[in-house]
Amino acid sequence: MRRSALRGMGLFATAFLLSAGVAEAHVGTGGASGFATGFIHPITGLDHVVAMIAVGLWGAQLGKPAIWMLPITFPLVMAFGGFLGLLGVSMPGVEIGIALSGVLLGAAVLTETRPPLFAAAILVGIFAIFHGYAHGAELPLGENALFFSLGFVIATGLLHAVGIVIGLLYQWPWGKNTVRAAGGAIGAVGAVFLWNALA
């Protein structure tokens, strides 16, 4: 079951990268520049950073197999959202969706919410579409879409890893409070962004 799921994710990622290659015909061909721009994009927006870290925190808090399933699900589904953004497909409420991801994922860590794995993956996947769409829609003019996409997907994975490392503290009694406090802080940041998005 796990192998077939990973195989399916791998096929999806391959299809996305090939699709992004088609999209790059409409933009420039600066690979290194496109990758660097895409890599920096997620880490320069606090709303993105806190949500990415929250995914890693929640996965670590839930334990195996969520500790690897959630951080794998998010970038793969985010890549699909990014492709929608590259195509210019209309998607309302993107900023609200991004802000809600911080609020709800942070709250899940704070309250130690333990849903079934499939429910957690679906929730993470829904938020991933909004984050990916925002990255794809903001592709700078003249940048290579394929390398830009690779950049933001890899940066997202590294932010998940930061969350996982912090989340590993959860195995100790004092660490539980630290991880929960981090979730509360993420939720608070998300609430600020949600307030601004609704204002």
C-alpha atoms as a PDB file:
ATOM      1  CA  MET A   1       0.000   0.000   0.000  1.00  0.00           C
ATOM      2  CA  ARG A   2       2.768   2.410   0.983  1.00  0.00           C
ATOM      3  CA  ARG A   3       4.826   1.559  -2.114  1.00  0.00           C
ATOM      4  CA  SER A   4       1.863   2.090  -4.453  1.00  0.00           C
ATOM      5  CA  ALA A   5       1.112   5.437  -2.794  1.00  0.00           C
ATOM      6  CA  LEU A   6       4.710   6.583  -3.194  1.00  0.00           C
ATOM      7  CA  ARG A   7       4.735   5.349  -6.790  1.00  0.00           C
ATOM      8  CA  GLY A   8       1.585   7.364  -7.494  1.00  0.00           C
ATOM      9  CA  MET A   9       3.099  10.471  -5.927  1.00  0.00           C
ATOM     10  CA  GLY A  10       6.231  10.008  -8.006  1.00  0.00           C
ATOM     11  CA  LEU A  11       4.193   9.767 -11.211  1.00  0.00           C
ATOM     12  CA  PHE A  12       2.274  12.906 -10.271  1.00  0.00           C
ATOM     13  CA  ALA A  13       5.496  14.822  -9.600  1.00  0.00           C
ATOM     14  CA  THR A  14       6.923  13.684 -12.946  1.00  0.00           C
ATOM     15  CA  ALA A  15       3.779  14.749 -14.764  1.00  0.00           C
ATOM     16  CA  PHE A  16       3.890  18.135 -13.068  1.00  0.00           C
ATOM     17  CA  LEU A  17       7.507  18.754 -14.001  1.00  0.00           C
ATOM     18  CA  LEU A  18       6.799  17.822 -17.609  1.00  0.00           C
ATOM     19  CA  SER A  19       3.797  20.135 -17.611  1.00  0.00           C
ATOM     20  CA  ALA A  20       5.885  22.937 -16.169  1.00  0.00           C
ATOM     21  CA  GLY A  21       8.305  22.371 -18.985  1.00  0.00           C
ATOM     22  CA  VAL A  22       5.484  23.108 -21.423  1.00  0.00           C
ATOM     23  CA  ALA A  23       4.610  26.270 -19.495  1.00  0.00           C
ATOM     24  CA  GLU A  24       8.186  27.517 -19.678  1.00  0.00           C
ATOM     25  CA  ALA A  25       7.760  28.108 -23.409  1.00  0.00           C
ATOM     26  CA  HIS A  26       5.932  31.297 -22.446  1.00  0.00           C
ATOM     27  CA  VAL A  27       8.697  32.691 -20.236  1.00  0.00           C
ATOM     28  CA  GLY A  28      12.475  33.080 -20.199  1.00  0.00           C
ATOM     29  CA  THR A  29      15.028  30.339 -20.037  1.00  0.00           C
ATOM     30  CA  GLY A  30      17.238  31.462 -17.122  1.00  0.00           C
ATOM     31  CA  GLY A  31      17.360  28.215 -15.147  1.00  0.00           C
ATOM     32  CA  ALA A  32      19.627  29.273 -12.274  1.00  0.00           C
ATOM     33  CA  SER A  33      17.840  32.582 -11.853  1.00  0.00           C
ATOM     34  CA  GLY A  34      14.424  30.912 -11.974  1.00  0.00           C
ATOM     35  CA  PHE A  35      15.398  28.328  -9.370  1.00  0.00           C
ATOM     36  CA  ALA A  36      16.825  30.957  -6.999  1.00  0.00           C
ATOM     37  CA  THR A  37      13.744  33.152  -7.372  1.00  0.00           C
ATOM     38  CA  GLY A  38      11.432  30.200  -6.737  1.00  0.00           C
ATOM     39  CA  PHE A  39      13.496  29.019  -3.775  1.00  0.00           C
ATOM     40  CA  ILE A  40      13.399  32.426  -2.102  1.00  0.00           C
ATOM     41  CA  HIS A  41       9.691  32.966  -2.765  1.00  0.00           C
ATOM     42  CA  PRO A  42       8.244  30.772   0.038  1.00  0.00           C
ATOM     43  CA  ILE A  43      10.777  31.845   2.662  1.00  0.00           C
ATOM     44  CA  THR A  44      10.192  35.586   2.216  1.00  0.00           C
ATOM     45  CA  GLY A  45       6.506  35.426   3.122  1.00  0.00           C
ATOM     46  CA  LEU A  46       5.768  34.868   6.814  1.00  0.00           C
ATOM     47  CA  ASP A  47       2.309  33.480   6.028  1.00  0.00           C
ATOM     48  CA  HIS A  48       3.935  30.754   3.925  1.00  0.00           C
ATOM     49  CA  VAL A  49       6.764  30.068   6.367  1.00  0.00           C
ATOM     50  CA  VAL A  50       4.567  29.470   9.405  1.00  0.00           C
ATOM     51  CA  ALA A  51       2.215  27.136   7.516  1.00  0.00           C
ATOM     52  CA  MET A  52       5.121  25.095   6.096  1.00  0.00           C
ATOM     53  CA  ILE A  53       6.674  24.730   9.535  1.00  0.00           C
ATOM     54  CA  ALA A  54       3.263  23.794  10.982  1.00  0.00           C
ATOM     55  CA  VAL A  55       2.973  20.873   8.560  1.00  0.00           C
ATOM     56  CA  GLY A  56       6.281  19.477   9.820  1.00  0.00           C
ATOM     57  CA  LEU A  57       5.363  20.125  13.451  1.00  0.00           C
ATOM     58  CA  TRP A  58       2.003  18.396  13.125  1.00  0.00           C
ATOM     59  CA  GLY A  59       3.508  15.427  11.290  1.00  0.00           C
ATOM     60  CA  ALA A  60       6.139  14.970  14.007  1.00  0.00           C
ATOM     61  CA  GLN A  61       3.506  15.359  16.701  1.00  0.00           C
ATOM     62  CA  LEU A  62       1.300  12.695  15.089  1.00  0.00           C
ATOM     63  CA  GLY A  63       4.266  10.337  14.619  1.00  0.00           C
ATOM     64  CA  LYS A  64       4.679   7.635  11.981  1.00  0.00           C
ATOM     65  CA  PRO A  65       3.524   7.533   9.221  1.00  0.00           C
ATOM     66  CA  ALA A  66       2.249  11.131   9.376  1.00  0.00           C
ATOM     67  CA  ILE A  67       5.755  12.469  10.037  1.00  0.00           C
ATOM     68  CA  TRP A  68       6.684  11.691   6.429  1.00  0.00           C
ATOM     69  CA  MET A  69       3.250  11.472   4.786  1.00  0.00           C
ATOM     70  CA  LEU A  70       2.156  15.061   5.498  1.00  0.00           C
ATOM     71  CA  PRO A  71       5.446  16.674   4.385  1.00  0.00           C
ATOM     72  CA  ILE A  72       5.319  14.598   1.188  1.00  0.00           C
ATOM     73  CA  THR A  73       1.650  15.308   0.493  1.00  0.00           C
ATOM     74  CA  PHE A  74       1.989  19.068   0.823  1.00  0.00           C
ATOM     75  CA  PRO A  75       4.704  19.738  -1.813  1.00  0.00           C
ATOM     76  CA  LEU A  76       3.167  17.324  -4.315  1.00  0.00           C
ATOM     77  CA  VAL A  77      -0.298  18.852  -4.089  1.00  0.00           C
ATOM     78  CA  MET A  78       1.252  22.321  -3.926  1.00  0.00           C
ATOM     79  CA  ALA A  79       2.933  21.598  -7.256  1.00  0.00           C
ATOM     80  CA  PHE A  80      -0.525  21.016  -8.764  1.00  0.00           C
ATOM     81  CA  GLY A  81      -1.732  24.321  -7.296  1.00  0.00           C
ATOM     82  CA  GLY A  82       1.363  26.005  -8.695  1.00  0.00           C
ATOM     83  CA  PHE A  83       0.553  24.686 -12.153  1.00  0.00           C
ATOM     84  CA  LEU A  84      -2.971  26.125 -11.892  1.00  0.00           C
ATOM     85  CA  GLY A  85      -1.401  29.462 -10.994  1.00  0.00           C
ATOM     86  CA  LEU A  86       1.005  29.281 -13.926  1.00  0.00           C
ATOM     87  CA  LEU A  87      -1.930  28.649 -16.253  1.00  0.00           C
ATOM     88  CA  GLY A  88      -3.801  31.643 -14.859  1.00  0.00           C
ATOM     89  CA  VAL A  89      -6.801  29.580 -13.737  1.00  0.00           C
ATOM     90  CA  SER A  90      -9.110  31.718 -11.604  1.00  0.00           C
ATOM     91  CA  MET A  91      -9.153  30.772  -7.913  1.00  0.00           C
ATOM     92  CA  PRO A  92     -10.953  33.036  -5.431  1.00  0.00           C
ATOM     93  CA  GLY A  93     -10.014  33.370  -1.782  1.00  0.00           C
ATOM     94  CA  VAL A  94      -6.360  32.416  -2.133  1.00  0.00           C
ATOM     95  CA  GLU A  95      -5.102  34.775   0.583  1.00  0.00           C
ATOM     96  CA  ILE A  96      -7.877  33.663   2.921  1.00  0.00           C
ATOM     97  CA  GLY A  97      -6.992  30.014   2.297  1.00  0.00           C
ATOM     98  CA  ILE A  98      -3.324  30.676   2.998  1.00  0.00           C
ATOM     99  CA  ALA A  99      -4.126  32.542   6.230  1.00  0.00           C
ATOM    100  CA  LEU A 100      -6.541  29.813   7.343  1.00  0.00           C
ATOM    101  CA  SER A 101      -3.795  27.235   6.881  1.00  0.00           C
ATOM    102  CA  GLY A 102      -1.742  28.985   9.541  1.00  0.00           C
ATOM    103  CA  VAL A 103      -4.723  29.315  11.875  1.00  0.00           C
ATOM    104  CA  LEU A 104      -5.979  25.729  11.583  1.00  0.00           C
ATOM    105  CA  LEU A 105      -2.648  23.913  11.352  1.00  0.00           C
ATOM    106  CA  GLY A 106      -1.312  25.943  14.260  1.00  0.00           C
ATOM    107  CA  ALA A 107      -4.462  25.169  16.248  1.00  0.00           C
ATOM    108  CA  ALA A 108      -4.090  21.460  15.434  1.00  0.00           C
ATOM    109  CA  VAL A 109      -0.581  21.460  16.922  1.00  0.00           C
ATOM    110  CA  LEU A 110      -1.621  23.544  19.929  1.00  0.00           C
ATOM    111  CA  THR A 111      -4.591  21.311  20.784  1.00  0.00           C
ATOM    112  CA  GLU A 112      -2.783  18.062  19.871  1.00  0.00           C
ATOM    113  CA  THR A 113      -5.542  17.185  17.405  1.00  0.00           C
ATOM    114  CA  ARG A 114      -5.217  13.590  16.172  1.00  0.00           C
ATOM    115  CA  PRO A 115      -7.530  12.956  13.210  1.00  0.00           C
ATOM    116  CA  PRO A 116      -7.261   9.858  10.994  1.00  0.00           C
ATOM    117  CA  LEU A 117      -4.228  10.067   8.709  1.00  0.00           C
ATOM    118  CA  PHE A 118      -6.335  10.435   5.552  1.00  0.00           C
ATOM    119  CA  ALA A 119      -8.226  13.385   7.082  1.00  0.00           C
ATOM    120  CA  ALA A 120      -4.982  15.117   8.073  1.00  0.00           C
ATOM    121  CA  ALA A 121      -3.564  14.544   4.576  1.00  0.00           C
ATOM    122  CA  ILE A 122      -6.722  15.933   2.934  1.00  0.00           C
ATOM    123  CA  LEU A 123      -6.620  19.050   5.108  1.00  0.00           C
ATOM    124  CA  VAL A 124      -2.939  19.598   4.361  1.00  0.00           C
ATOM    125  CA  GLY A 125      -3.572  18.977   0.651  1.00  0.00           C
ATOM    126  CA  ILE A 126      -6.369  21.548   0.480  1.00  0.00           C
ATOM    127  CA  PHE A 127      -4.146  24.220   1.984  1.00  0.00           C
ATOM    128  CA  ALA A 128      -1.294  23.161  -0.306  1.00  0.00           C
ATOM    129  CA  ILE A 129      -3.383  24.080  -3.359  1.00  0.00           C
ATOM    130  CA  PHE A 130      -3.763  27.662  -2.124  1.00  0.00           C
ATOM    131  CA  HIS A 131      -0.064  28.027  -1.329  1.00  0.00           C
ATOM    132  CA  GLY A 132       0.992  26.502  -4.638  1.00  0.00           C
ATOM    133  CA  TYR A 133      -1.422  28.658  -6.610  1.00  0.00           C
ATOM    134  CA  ALA A 134      -0.007  31.802  -5.011  1.00  0.00           C
ATOM    135  CA  HIS A 135       3.550  30.770  -5.955  1.00  0.00           C
ATOM    136  CA  GLY A 136       2.616  29.882  -9.517  1.00  0.00           C
ATOM    137  CA  ALA A 137       0.523  32.999 -10.097  1.00  0.00           C
ATOM    138  CA  GLU A 138       3.405  35.199  -8.945  1.00  0.00           C
ATOM    139  CA  LEU A 139       5.953  33.821 -11.415  1.00  0.00           C
ATOM    140  CA  PRO A 140       8.111  36.852 -12.297  1.00  0.00           C
ATOM    141  CA  LEU A 141       8.077  37.839 -15.948  1.00  0.00           C
ATOM    142  CA  GLY A 142      10.987  36.300 -17.816  1.00  0.00           C
ATOM    143  CA  GLU A 143      11.724  33.553 -15.275  1.00  0.00           C
ATOM    144  CA  ASN A 144      11.847  29.878 -16.182  1.00  0.00           C
ATOM    145  CA  ALA A 145       8.626  28.247 -14.926  1.00  0.00           C
ATOM    146  CA  LEU A 146      10.158  24.785 -14.484  1.00  0.00           C
ATOM    147  CA  PHE A 147      13.108  25.939 -12.382  1.00  0.00           C
ATOM    148  CA  PHE A 148      10.961  28.436 -10.475  1.00  0.00           C
ATOM    149  CA  SER A 149       8.607  25.573  -9.563  1.00  0.00           C
ATOM    150  CA  LEU A 150      11.481  23.328  -8.506  1.00  0.00           C
ATOM    151  CA  GLY A 151      12.790  26.135  -6.331  1.00  0.00           C
ATOM    152  CA  PHE A 152       9.597  26.734  -4.394  1.00  0.00           C
ATOM    153  CA  VAL A 153       8.892  23.018  -3.971  1.00  0.00           C
ATOM    154  CA  ILE A 154      12.376  22.332  -2.564  1.00  0.00           C
ATOM    155  CA  ALA A 155      12.235  25.366  -0.263  1.00  0.00           C
ATOM    156  CA  THR A 156       8.868  24.154   1.006  1.00  0.00           C
ATOM    157  CA  GLY A 157      10.321  20.730   1.775  1.00  0.00           C
ATOM    158  CA  LEU A 158      13.153  22.318   3.756  1.00  0.00           C
ATOM    159  CA  LEU A 159      10.679  24.380   5.788  1.00  0.00           C
ATOM    160  CA  HIS A 160       8.779  21.169   6.535  1.00  0.00           C
ATOM    161  CA  ALA A 161      12.077  19.683   7.723  1.00  0.00           C
ATOM    162  CA  VAL A 162      12.548  22.605  10.119  1.00  0.00           C
ATOM    163  CA  GLY A 163       9.111  21.879  11.538  1.00  0.00           C
ATOM    164  CA  ILE A 164       9.910  18.187  11.883  1.00  0.00           C
ATOM    165  CA  VAL A 165      13.163  18.891  13.743  1.00  0.00           C
ATOM    166  CA  ILE A 166      11.351  21.173  16.184  1.00  0.00           C
ATOM    167  CA  GLY A 167       8.487  18.692  16.410  1.00  0.00           C
ATOM    168  CA  LEU A 168      10.827  15.905  17.492  1.00  0.00           C
ATOM    169  CA  LEU A 169      11.025  17.672  20.851  1.00  0.00           C
ATOM    170  CA  TYR A 170       7.492  16.365  21.409  1.00  0.00           C
ATOM    171  CA  GLN A 171       8.848  13.029  22.620  1.00  0.00           C
ATOM    172  CA  TRP A 172       9.957  14.635  25.898  1.00  0.00           C
ATOM    173  CA  PRO A 173       7.498  16.045  28.471  1.00  0.00           C
ATOM    174  CA  TRP A 174       9.052  19.526  28.397  1.00  0.00           C
ATOM    175  CA  GLY A 175       9.147  19.364  24.614  1.00  0.00           C
ATOM    176  CA  LYS A 176       5.387  18.831  24.353  1.00  0.00           C
ATOM    177  CA  ASN A 177       4.768  22.300  25.765  1.00  0.00           C
ATOM    178  CA  THR A 178       7.384  23.801  23.450  1.00  0.00           C
ATOM    179  CA  VAL A 179       5.814  22.244  20.368  1.00  0.00           C
ATOM    180  CA  ARG A 180       2.300  23.217  21.451  1.00  0.00           C
ATOM    181  CA  ALA A 181       3.470  26.781  22.116  1.00  0.00           C
ATOM    182  CA  ALA A 182       4.960  26.896  18.621  1.00  0.00           C
ATOM    183  CA  GLY A 183       1.598  25.792  17.249  1.00  0.00           C
ATOM    184  CA  GLY A 184      -0.126  28.551  19.201  1.00  0.00           C
ATOM    185  CA  ALA A 185       2.304  31.145  17.848  1.00  0.00           C
ATOM    186  CA  ILE A 186       1.707  29.921  14.292  1.00  0.00           C
ATOM    187  CA  GLY A 187      -2.050  30.107  14.813  1.00  0.00           C
ATOM    188  CA  ALA A 188      -1.724  33.671  16.094  1.00  0.00           C
ATOM    189  CA  VAL A 189       0.333  34.724  13.079  1.00  0.00           C
ATOM    190  CA  GLY A 190      -2.222  33.089  10.804  1.00  0.00           C
ATOM    191  CA  ALA A 191      -5.016  34.972  12.575  1.00  0.00           C
ATOM    192  CA  VAL A 192      -3.293  38.284  11.846  1.00  0.00           C
ATOM    193  CA  PHE A 193      -3.028  37.407   8.155  1.00  0.00           C
ATOM    194  CA  LEU A 194      -6.641  36.227   8.129  1.00  0.00           C
ATOM    195  CA  TRP A 195      -7.778  39.520   9.660  1.00  0.00           C
ATOM    196  CA  ASN A 196      -5.875  41.430   6.974  1.00  0.00           C
ATOM    197  CA  ALA A 197      -7.240  39.206   4.193  1.00  0.00           C
ATOM    198  CA  LEU A 198     -10.824  39.774   5.354  1.00  0.00           C
ATOM    199  CA  ALA A 199     -10.394  43.515   6.009  1.00  0.00           C
END
